[in-house]
Amino acid sequence: MARIWYQSFVHPVEQAPYIERLQAMLTKVASPGISFEVHGLDPPDHSFHALSEFRCAAQVIGNALAAEKAGYDAFVIGHFQEPGLIEIKGAVDIPVIGLGEANLLAALSMGGRLGLVTIDPVFVPWHDRQIRMHGFGERYAGTQALKMNLPSFMKAFTDETAYAQVRSQFVTQVKPLIEKGAEVIIPAGGLPMLLFARESPFVIDDAPVLNGIAIVAKATEMAISLRAITNVVVSRRGTYAKAPPAAISEFQARLR
């Protein structure tokens, strides 16, 4: 059985209903012989600010090192902005899959241009930077934003009226992206991805809305399979050069 550490950025107790739904979704889509295990963060990523993302990145890097030591076969950064992605790929020898990166790559295999709908306007410039970092600028139609809080999203999982309201707001934000040439839409966050996964397919004006949780799950399975075939996880030249043991030890010492 291949074990995969799925790192969510929500609190494991306070957002337990979300964690449980996410775990159920991953279990549903997993192939035989694959086990996803969802882990939260304490404290979670509850402040929409770069400083909070930086603090979470440090926690998640530590968790990735711990996951490798515990024998996990892969590590998923289940947060679209994927803080710590470069550092983690450079610190461990198991496959590391970012929720954002996996979905961006999948979207560009399905259409010429992609568009994002994020959960808050504060993230628009963040995603602009993320797109540039991954080198996808020429095929990026832009990012639109909802203005939703966590209770509203959580209510939409169980209340049909609340779901219809969130869906309507989402469709409204997708329209300008389609006008700009977007052919594939990504809900930029684990919460909206999981919420809209109930619709199969979810298509707006012929543009598919990705089921991002299923995509990152299958990207992880593929990475594990390819490692078994090729014995290669990631390039160690340049971007993901392996951190020396002393650097890893010093980092872990600062976490204690």
C-alpha atoms as a PDB file:
ATOM      1  CA  MET A   1       0.000   0.000   0.000  1.00  0.00           C
ATOM      2  CA  ALA A   2       1.429   3.385  -1.030  1.00  0.00           C
ATOM      3  CA  ARG A   3       0.840   6.007   1.660  1.00  0.00           C
ATOM      4  CA  ILE A   4       0.503   9.669   0.699  1.00  0.00           C
ATOM      5  CA  TRP A   5       0.637  12.562   3.151  1.00  0.00           C
ATOM      6  CA  TYR A   6      -1.897  15.153   2.019  1.00  0.00           C
ATOM      7  CA  GLN A   7      -1.122  18.445   3.754  1.00  0.00           C
ATOM      8  CA  SER A   8      -4.169  20.657   4.158  1.00  0.00           C
ATOM      9  CA  PHE A   9      -3.754  24.177   5.559  1.00  0.00           C
ATOM     10  CA  VAL A  10      -6.888  24.213   7.728  1.00  0.00           C
ATOM     11  CA  HIS A  11      -7.153  23.374  11.424  1.00  0.00           C
ATOM     12  CA  PRO A  12      -7.600  19.628  12.020  1.00  0.00           C
ATOM     13  CA  VAL A  13     -10.264  20.139  14.719  1.00  0.00           C
ATOM     14  CA  GLU A  14     -11.927  23.479  14.005  1.00  0.00           C
ATOM     15  CA  GLN A  15     -12.403  22.550  10.326  1.00  0.00           C
ATOM     16  CA  ALA A  16     -12.932  18.840  10.952  1.00  0.00           C
ATOM     17  CA  PRO A  17     -16.035  18.663   8.683  1.00  0.00           C
ATOM     18  CA  TYR A  18     -13.943  19.923   5.747  1.00  0.00           C
ATOM     19  CA  ILE A  19     -11.091  17.528   6.577  1.00  0.00           C
ATOM     20  CA  GLU A  20     -13.557  14.629   6.681  1.00  0.00           C
ATOM     21  CA  ARG A  21     -15.104  15.569   3.312  1.00  0.00           C
ATOM     22  CA  LEU A  22     -11.666  15.971   1.766  1.00  0.00           C
ATOM     23  CA  GLN A  23     -10.559  12.593   3.120  1.00  0.00           C
ATOM     24  CA  ALA A  24     -13.722  10.969   1.753  1.00  0.00           C
ATOM     25  CA  MET A  25     -13.144  12.509  -1.676  1.00  0.00           C
ATOM     26  CA  LEU A  26      -9.530  11.358  -1.822  1.00  0.00           C
ATOM     27  CA  THR A  27     -10.490   7.855  -0.699  1.00  0.00           C
ATOM     28  CA  LYS A  28     -13.162   7.747  -3.392  1.00  0.00           C
ATOM     29  CA  VAL A  29     -10.858   8.702  -6.268  1.00  0.00           C
ATOM     30  CA  ALA A  30      -7.767   6.782  -5.101  1.00  0.00           C
ATOM     31  CA  SER A  31      -6.682   3.783  -7.135  1.00  0.00           C
ATOM     32  CA  PRO A  32      -6.362   0.371  -5.465  1.00  0.00           C
ATOM     33  CA  GLY A  33      -3.204   0.209  -3.391  1.00  0.00           C
ATOM     34  CA  ILE A  34      -3.139   3.986  -2.755  1.00  0.00           C
ATOM     35  CA  SER A  35      -3.945   5.542   0.631  1.00  0.00           C
ATOM     36  CA  PHE A  36      -4.242   9.304   1.111  1.00  0.00           C
ATOM     37  CA  GLU A  37      -3.983  10.607   4.684  1.00  0.00           C
ATOM     38  CA  VAL A  38      -5.124  14.196   5.253  1.00  0.00           C
ATOM     39  CA  HIS A  39      -3.265  16.272   7.842  1.00  0.00           C
ATOM     40  CA  GLY A  40      -4.176  19.779   9.005  1.00  0.00           C
ATOM     41  CA  LEU A  41      -2.109  22.638  10.422  1.00  0.00           C
ATOM     42  CA  ASP A  42      -2.175  24.030  13.952  1.00  0.00           C
ATOM     43  CA  PRO A  43      -2.268  26.994  13.830  1.00  0.00           C
ATOM     44  CA  PRO A  44      -3.839  26.945  10.362  1.00  0.00           C
ATOM     45  CA  ASP A  45      -3.462  29.424   7.522  1.00  0.00           C
ATOM     46  CA  HIS A  46      -6.199  31.770   8.769  1.00  0.00           C
ATOM     47  CA  SER A  47      -4.721  35.157   7.863  1.00  0.00           C
ATOM     48  CA  PHE A  48      -4.797  36.243   4.239  1.00  0.00           C
ATOM     49  CA  HIS A  49      -1.252  37.575   4.339  1.00  0.00           C
ATOM     50  CA  ALA A  50       2.160  36.632   2.975  1.00  0.00           C
ATOM     51  CA  LEU A  51       3.565  36.430   6.512  1.00  0.00           C
ATOM     52  CA  SER A  52       1.045  33.720   7.417  1.00  0.00           C
ATOM     53  CA  GLU A  53       1.934  31.820   4.238  1.00  0.00           C
ATOM     54  CA  PHE A  54       5.622  32.042   5.189  1.00  0.00           C
ATOM     55  CA  ARG A  55       4.941  30.672   8.656  1.00  0.00           C
ATOM     56  CA  CYS A  56       2.860  27.833   7.215  1.00  0.00           C
ATOM     57  CA  ALA A  57       5.596  27.052   4.699  1.00  0.00           C
ATOM     58  CA  ALA A  58       8.041  26.439   7.542  1.00  0.00           C
ATOM     59  CA  GLN A  59       5.562  24.101   9.261  1.00  0.00           C
ATOM     60  CA  VAL A  60       4.888  22.216   6.050  1.00  0.00           C
ATOM     61  CA  ILE A  61       8.567  21.803   5.179  1.00  0.00           C
ATOM     62  CA  GLY A  62       9.023  20.219   8.612  1.00  0.00           C
ATOM     63  CA  ASN A  63       6.034  17.969   8.014  1.00  0.00           C
ATOM     64  CA  ALA A  64       7.397  16.867   4.635  1.00  0.00           C
ATOM     65  CA  LEU A  65      10.705  15.876   6.220  1.00  0.00           C
ATOM     66  CA  ALA A  66       8.800  13.986   8.910  1.00  0.00           C
ATOM     67  CA  ALA A  67       6.620  12.280   6.297  1.00  0.00           C
ATOM     68  CA  GLU A  68       9.637  11.035   4.381  1.00  0.00           C
ATOM     69  CA  LYS A  69      11.241   9.732   7.580  1.00  0.00           C
ATOM     70  CA  ALA A  70       7.971   7.958   8.493  1.00  0.00           C
ATOM     71  CA  GLY A  71       7.989   6.083   5.197  1.00  0.00           C
ATOM     72  CA  TYR A  72       5.336   7.956   3.212  1.00  0.00           C
ATOM     73  CA  ASP A  73       5.631   7.481  -0.549  1.00  0.00           C
ATOM     74  CA  ALA A  74       4.661  11.030  -1.574  1.00  0.00           C
ATOM     75  CA  PHE A  75       3.746  14.420  -0.145  1.00  0.00           C
ATOM     76  CA  VAL A  76       0.961  16.696  -1.381  1.00  0.00           C
ATOM     77  CA  ILE A  77       0.863  20.432  -0.652  1.00  0.00           C
ATOM     78  CA  GLY A  78      -2.923  20.790  -0.589  1.00  0.00           C
ATOM     79  CA  HIS A  79      -2.971  24.584  -0.769  1.00  0.00           C
ATOM     80  CA  PHE A  80      -3.233  26.288  -4.143  1.00  0.00           C
ATOM     81  CA  GLN A  81      -0.557  28.885  -3.419  1.00  0.00           C
ATOM     82  CA  GLU A  82       1.721  25.968  -2.424  1.00  0.00           C
ATOM     83  CA  PRO A  83       4.152  27.847  -0.118  1.00  0.00           C
ATOM     84  CA  GLY A  84       7.344  25.902   0.417  1.00  0.00           C
ATOM     85  CA  LEU A  85       7.037  23.912  -2.822  1.00  0.00           C
ATOM     86  CA  ILE A  86      10.563  24.658  -4.063  1.00  0.00           C
ATOM     87  CA  GLU A  87      12.136  24.144  -0.647  1.00  0.00           C
ATOM     88  CA  ILE A  88      10.353  20.834  -0.052  1.00  0.00           C
ATOM     89  CA  LYS A  89      11.273  19.430  -3.465  1.00  0.00           C
ATOM     90  CA  GLY A  90      14.848  20.316  -2.629  1.00  0.00           C
ATOM     91  CA  ALA A  91      14.724  18.706   0.812  1.00  0.00           C
ATOM     92  CA  VAL A  92      13.137  15.266   0.312  1.00  0.00           C
ATOM     93  CA  ASP A  93      13.577  12.382  -2.110  1.00  0.00           C
ATOM     94  CA  ILE A  94       9.911  11.377  -2.374  1.00  0.00           C
ATOM     95  CA  PRO A  95       7.564  12.916  -4.972  1.00  0.00           C
ATOM     96  CA  VAL A  96       6.156  16.308  -3.920  1.00  0.00           C
ATOM     97  CA  ILE A  97       2.997  17.483  -5.687  1.00  0.00           C
ATOM     98  CA  GLY A  98       1.582  21.002  -5.388  1.00  0.00           C
ATOM     99  CA  LEU A  99      -2.156  21.537  -5.691  1.00  0.00           C
ATOM    100  CA  GLY A 100      -1.625  24.660  -7.784  1.00  0.00           C
ATOM    101  CA  GLU A 101       1.123  23.311 -10.036  1.00  0.00           C
ATOM    102  CA  ALA A 102      -0.722  20.044 -10.753  1.00  0.00           C
ATOM    103  CA  ASN A 103      -3.892  21.870 -11.748  1.00  0.00           C
ATOM    104  CA  LEU A 104      -2.110  24.447 -13.885  1.00  0.00           C
ATOM    105  CA  LEU A 105      -0.355  21.693 -15.803  1.00  0.00           C
ATOM    106  CA  ALA A 106      -3.599  19.756 -16.219  1.00  0.00           C
ATOM    107  CA  ALA A 107      -5.475  22.839 -17.412  1.00  0.00           C
ATOM    108  CA  LEU A 108      -2.871  23.564 -20.074  1.00  0.00           C
ATOM    109  CA  SER A 109      -3.219  20.015 -21.379  1.00  0.00           C
ATOM    110  CA  MET A 110      -6.968  20.554 -21.809  1.00  0.00           C
ATOM    111  CA  GLY A 111      -7.146  23.995 -23.394  1.00  0.00           C
ATOM    112  CA  GLY A 112      -5.136  26.844 -24.848  1.00  0.00           C
ATOM    113  CA  ARG A 113      -5.654  29.352 -22.046  1.00  0.00           C
ATOM    114  CA  LEU A 114      -6.646  29.051 -18.393  1.00  0.00           C
ATOM    115  CA  GLY A 115      -8.389  31.286 -15.896  1.00  0.00           C
ATOM    116  CA  LEU A 116      -8.542  31.188 -12.104  1.00  0.00           C
ATOM    117  CA  VAL A 117     -11.341  32.034  -9.694  1.00  0.00           C
ATOM    118  CA  THR A 118      -9.963  32.583  -6.208  1.00  0.00           C
ATOM    119  CA  ILE A 119     -11.783  32.895  -2.886  1.00  0.00           C
ATOM    120  CA  ASP A 120     -10.789  36.472  -2.027  1.00  0.00           C
ATOM    121  CA  PRO A 121      -9.525  39.525  -3.977  1.00  0.00           C
ATOM    122  CA  VAL A 122      -6.364  39.605  -1.858  1.00  0.00           C
ATOM    123  CA  PHE A 123      -5.127  36.513  -3.682  1.00  0.00           C
ATOM    124  CA  VAL A 124      -5.343  37.959  -7.210  1.00  0.00           C
ATOM    125  CA  PRO A 125      -1.782  39.395  -7.247  1.00  0.00           C
ATOM    126  CA  TRP A 126      -0.544  36.246  -5.498  1.00  0.00           C
ATOM    127  CA  HIS A 127      -1.836  34.088  -8.333  1.00  0.00           C
ATOM    128  CA  ASP A 128      -0.421  36.492 -10.908  1.00  0.00           C
ATOM    129  CA  ARG A 129       3.013  35.939  -9.336  1.00  0.00           C
ATOM    130  CA  GLN A 130       2.400  32.192  -9.127  1.00  0.00           C
ATOM    131  CA  ILE A 131       1.596  32.005 -12.838  1.00  0.00           C
ATOM    132  CA  ARG A 132       4.744  33.944 -13.718  1.00  0.00           C
ATOM    133  CA  MET A 133       6.855  31.715 -11.454  1.00  0.00           C
ATOM    134  CA  HIS A 134       5.640  28.618 -13.281  1.00  0.00           C
ATOM    135  CA  GLY A 135       6.213  30.291 -16.662  1.00  0.00           C
ATOM    136  CA  PHE A 136       2.613  30.095 -17.905  1.00  0.00           C
ATOM    137  CA  GLY A 137       2.008  33.811 -18.531  1.00  0.00           C
ATOM    138  CA  GLU A 138       1.284  33.573 -22.264  1.00  0.00           C
ATOM    139  CA  ARG A 139      -1.562  31.109 -21.642  1.00  0.00           C
ATOM    140  CA  TYR A 140      -3.101  32.899 -18.655  1.00  0.00           C
ATOM    141  CA  ALA A 141      -6.365  34.816 -19.081  1.00  0.00           C
ATOM    142  CA  GLY A 142      -6.387  36.200 -15.540  1.00  0.00           C
ATOM    143  CA  THR A 143      -7.841  35.703 -12.084  1.00  0.00           C
ATOM    144  CA  GLN A 144     -11.267  36.708 -10.817  1.00  0.00           C
ATOM    145  CA  ALA A 145     -12.240  36.633  -7.146  1.00  0.00           C
ATOM    146  CA  LEU A 146     -15.173  35.672  -5.000  1.00  0.00           C
ATOM    147  CA  LYS A 147     -15.628  37.386  -1.653  1.00  0.00           C
ATOM    148  CA  MET A 148     -16.433  34.478   0.615  1.00  0.00           C
ATOM    149  CA  ASN A 149     -15.712  33.632   4.226  1.00  0.00           C
ATOM    150  CA  LEU A 150     -15.125  30.144   5.608  1.00  0.00           C
ATOM    151  CA  PRO A 151     -18.580  29.777   7.265  1.00  0.00           C
ATOM    152  CA  SER A 152     -20.290  30.586   3.943  1.00  0.00           C
ATOM    153  CA  PHE A 153     -18.293  27.930   2.147  1.00  0.00           C
ATOM    154  CA  MET A 154     -18.906  25.348   4.851  1.00  0.00           C
ATOM    155  CA  LYS A 155     -22.648  26.014   4.816  1.00  0.00           C
ATOM    156  CA  ALA A 156     -22.717  25.468   1.048  1.00  0.00           C
ATOM    157  CA  PHE A 157     -21.619  21.853   1.521  1.00  0.00           C
ATOM    158  CA  THR A 158     -24.867  20.961   3.284  1.00  0.00           C
ATOM    159  CA  ASP A 159     -27.390  23.676   2.373  1.00  0.00           C
ATOM    160  CA  GLU A 160     -28.714  23.675  -1.197  1.00  0.00           C
ATOM    161  CA  THR A 161     -29.717  27.342  -1.109  1.00  0.00           C
ATOM    162  CA  ALA A 162     -26.274  28.342   0.097  1.00  0.00           C
ATOM    163  CA  TYR A 163     -24.694  26.145  -2.574  1.00  0.00           C
ATOM    164  CA  ALA A 164     -26.773  27.787  -5.302  1.00  0.00           C
ATOM    165  CA  GLN A 165     -25.672  31.226  -4.097  1.00  0.00           C
ATOM    166  CA  VAL A 166     -21.977  30.323  -4.106  1.00  0.00           C
ATOM    167  CA  ARG A 167     -22.320  28.671  -7.503  1.00  0.00           C
ATOM    168  CA  SER A 168     -24.043  31.737  -8.942  1.00  0.00           C
ATOM    169  CA  GLN A 169     -21.247  33.994  -7.683  1.00  0.00           C
ATOM    170  CA  PHE A 170     -18.674  31.648  -9.151  1.00  0.00           C
ATOM    171  CA  VAL A 171     -20.336  31.599 -12.581  1.00  0.00           C
ATOM    172  CA  THR A 172     -20.501  35.405 -12.519  1.00  0.00           C
ATOM    173  CA  GLN A 173     -16.730  35.560 -11.990  1.00  0.00           C
ATOM    174  CA  VAL A 174     -16.058  33.002 -14.724  1.00  0.00           C
ATOM    175  CA  LYS A 175     -17.794  35.026 -17.442  1.00  0.00           C
ATOM    176  CA  PRO A 176     -15.111  37.775 -17.714  1.00  0.00           C
ATOM    177  CA  LEU A 177     -12.413  35.100 -17.925  1.00  0.00           C
ATOM    178  CA  ILE A 178     -14.165  33.424 -20.839  1.00  0.00           C
ATOM    179  CA  GLU A 179     -14.463  36.818 -22.548  1.00  0.00           C
ATOM    180  CA  LYS A 180     -10.666  37.124 -22.189  1.00  0.00           C
ATOM    181  CA  GLY A 181     -10.148  33.774 -23.869  1.00  0.00           C
ATOM    182  CA  ALA A 182     -10.053  31.297 -20.990  1.00  0.00           C
ATOM    183  CA  GLU A 183     -10.859  27.774 -22.156  1.00  0.00           C
ATOM    184  CA  VAL A 184     -10.358  25.984 -18.818  1.00  0.00           C
ATOM    185  CA  ILE A 185     -11.323  27.283 -15.366  1.00  0.00           C
ATOM    186  CA  ILE A 186      -9.572  26.394 -12.117  1.00  0.00           C
ATOM    187  CA  PRO A 187     -11.204  27.065  -8.725  1.00  0.00           C
ATOM    188  CA  ALA A 188      -8.071  28.358  -7.001  1.00  0.00           C
ATOM    189  CA  GLY A 189      -8.358  26.690  -3.616  1.00  0.00           C
ATOM    190  CA  GLY A 190      -9.130  23.387  -1.956  1.00  0.00           C
ATOM    191  CA  LEU A 191     -12.452  24.632  -0.561  1.00  0.00           C
ATOM    192  CA  PRO A 192     -14.084  25.596  -3.892  1.00  0.00           C
ATOM    193  CA  MET A 193     -12.505  22.590  -5.612  1.00  0.00           C
ATOM    194  CA  LEU A 194     -14.094  20.227  -3.119  1.00  0.00           C
ATOM    195  CA  LEU A 195     -17.400  22.098  -3.126  1.00  0.00           C
ATOM    196  CA  PHE A 196     -17.854  21.968  -6.901  1.00  0.00           C
ATOM    197  CA  ALA A 197     -16.648  18.376  -7.238  1.00  0.00           C
ATOM    198  CA  ARG A 198     -20.288  17.311  -6.861  1.00  0.00           C
ATOM    199  CA  GLU A 199     -20.903  18.442 -10.458  1.00  0.00           C
ATOM    200  CA  SER A 200     -19.521  15.998 -12.995  1.00  0.00           C
ATOM    201  CA  PRO A 201     -19.010  17.585 -15.413  1.00  0.00           C
ATOM    202  CA  PHE A 202     -19.088  21.253 -14.395  1.00  0.00           C
ATOM    203  CA  VAL A 203     -18.969  23.228 -17.642  1.00  0.00           C
ATOM    204  CA  ILE A 204     -19.616  26.948 -18.167  1.00  0.00           C
ATOM    205  CA  ASP A 205     -20.003  28.120 -21.787  1.00  0.00           C
ATOM    206  CA  ASP A 206     -18.054  25.047 -22.961  1.00  0.00           C
ATOM    207  CA  ALA A 207     -15.202  25.745 -20.527  1.00  0.00           C
ATOM    208  CA  PRO A 208     -14.653  22.886 -18.054  1.00  0.00           C
ATOM    209  CA  VAL A 209     -14.228  23.729 -14.371  1.00  0.00           C
ATOM    210  CA  LEU A 210     -11.544  21.412 -13.042  1.00  0.00           C
ATOM    211  CA  ASN A 211     -12.046  18.963 -10.207  1.00  0.00           C
ATOM    212  CA  GLY A 212      -8.756  19.987  -8.662  1.00  0.00           C
ATOM    213  CA  ILE A 213      -8.766  17.445  -5.839  1.00  0.00           C
ATOM    214  CA  ALA A 214      -9.084  14.546  -8.262  1.00  0.00           C
ATOM    215  CA  ILE A 215      -6.354  16.058 -10.441  1.00  0.00           C
ATOM    216  CA  VAL A 216      -3.805  16.379  -7.646  1.00  0.00           C
ATOM    217  CA  ALA A 217      -4.636  12.844  -6.475  1.00  0.00           C
ATOM    218  CA  LYS A 218      -4.006  11.378  -9.914  1.00  0.00           C
ATOM    219  CA  ALA A 219      -0.897  13.509 -10.450  1.00  0.00           C
ATOM    220  CA  THR A 220       0.471  12.056  -7.230  1.00  0.00           C
ATOM    221  CA  GLU A 221      -0.318   8.513  -8.263  1.00  0.00           C
ATOM    222  CA  MET A 222       1.426   9.117 -11.588  1.00  0.00           C
ATOM    223  CA  ALA A 223       4.506  10.501  -9.822  1.00  0.00           C
ATOM    224  CA  ILE A 224       4.697   7.400  -7.624  1.00  0.00           C
ATOM    225  CA  SER A 225       4.331   5.090 -10.633  1.00  0.00           C
ATOM    226  CA  LEU A 226       6.970   6.956 -12.633  1.00  0.00           C
ATOM    227  CA  ARG A 227       9.395   6.810  -9.725  1.00  0.00           C
ATOM    228  CA  ALA A 228       8.976   3.035  -9.641  1.00  0.00           C
ATOM    229  CA  ILE A 229       9.682   2.833 -13.385  1.00  0.00           C
ATOM    230  CA  THR A 230      12.449   5.424 -13.795  1.00  0.00           C
ATOM    231  CA  ASN A 231      13.951   5.833 -10.313  1.00  0.00           C
ATOM    232  CA  VAL A 232      13.765   9.614 -10.871  1.00  0.00           C
ATOM    233  CA  VAL A 233      11.695  12.017  -8.789  1.00  0.00           C
ATOM    234  CA  VAL A 234      12.952  15.485  -9.670  1.00  0.00           C
ATOM    235  CA  SER A 235      15.942  17.184 -11.301  1.00  0.00           C
ATOM    236  CA  ARG A 236      18.750  17.920  -8.864  1.00  0.00           C
ATOM    237  CA  ARG A 237      20.293  20.482 -11.194  1.00  0.00           C
ATOM    238  CA  GLY A 238      19.451  24.094 -10.338  1.00  0.00           C
ATOM    239  CA  THR A 239      15.958  24.767  -9.018  1.00  0.00           C
ATOM    240  CA  TYR A 240      15.522  21.616  -6.938  1.00  0.00           C
ATOM    241  CA  ALA A 241      19.154  20.918  -6.022  1.00  0.00           C
ATOM    242  CA  LYS A 242      19.199  18.722  -2.917  1.00  0.00           C
ATOM    243  CA  ALA A 243      19.805  20.575   0.336  1.00  0.00           C
ATOM    244  CA  PRO A 244      22.932  19.367   2.152  1.00  0.00           C
ATOM    245  CA  PRO A 245      22.315  17.380   5.368  1.00  0.00           C
ATOM    246  CA  ALA A 246      23.669  20.235   7.485  1.00  0.00           C
ATOM    247  CA  ALA A 247      21.099  22.643   6.043  1.00  0.00           C
ATOM    248  CA  ILE A 248      18.286  20.205   6.771  1.00  0.00           C
ATOM    249  CA  SER A 249      19.527  19.599  10.315  1.00  0.00           C
ATOM    250  CA  GLU A 250      19.827  23.315  10.996  1.00  0.00           C
ATOM    251  CA  PHE A 251      16.300  23.901   9.682  1.00  0.00           C
ATOM    252  CA  GLN A 252      14.831  21.145  11.826  1.00  0.00           C
ATOM    253  CA  ALA A 253      16.667  22.456  14.892  1.00  0.00           C
ATOM    254  CA  ARG A 254      15.027  25.867  14.444  1.00  0.00           C
ATOM    255  CA  LEU A 255      11.576  24.239  14.378  1.00  0.00           C
ATOM    256  CA  ARG A 256      11.989  22.702  17.831  1.00  0.00           C
END
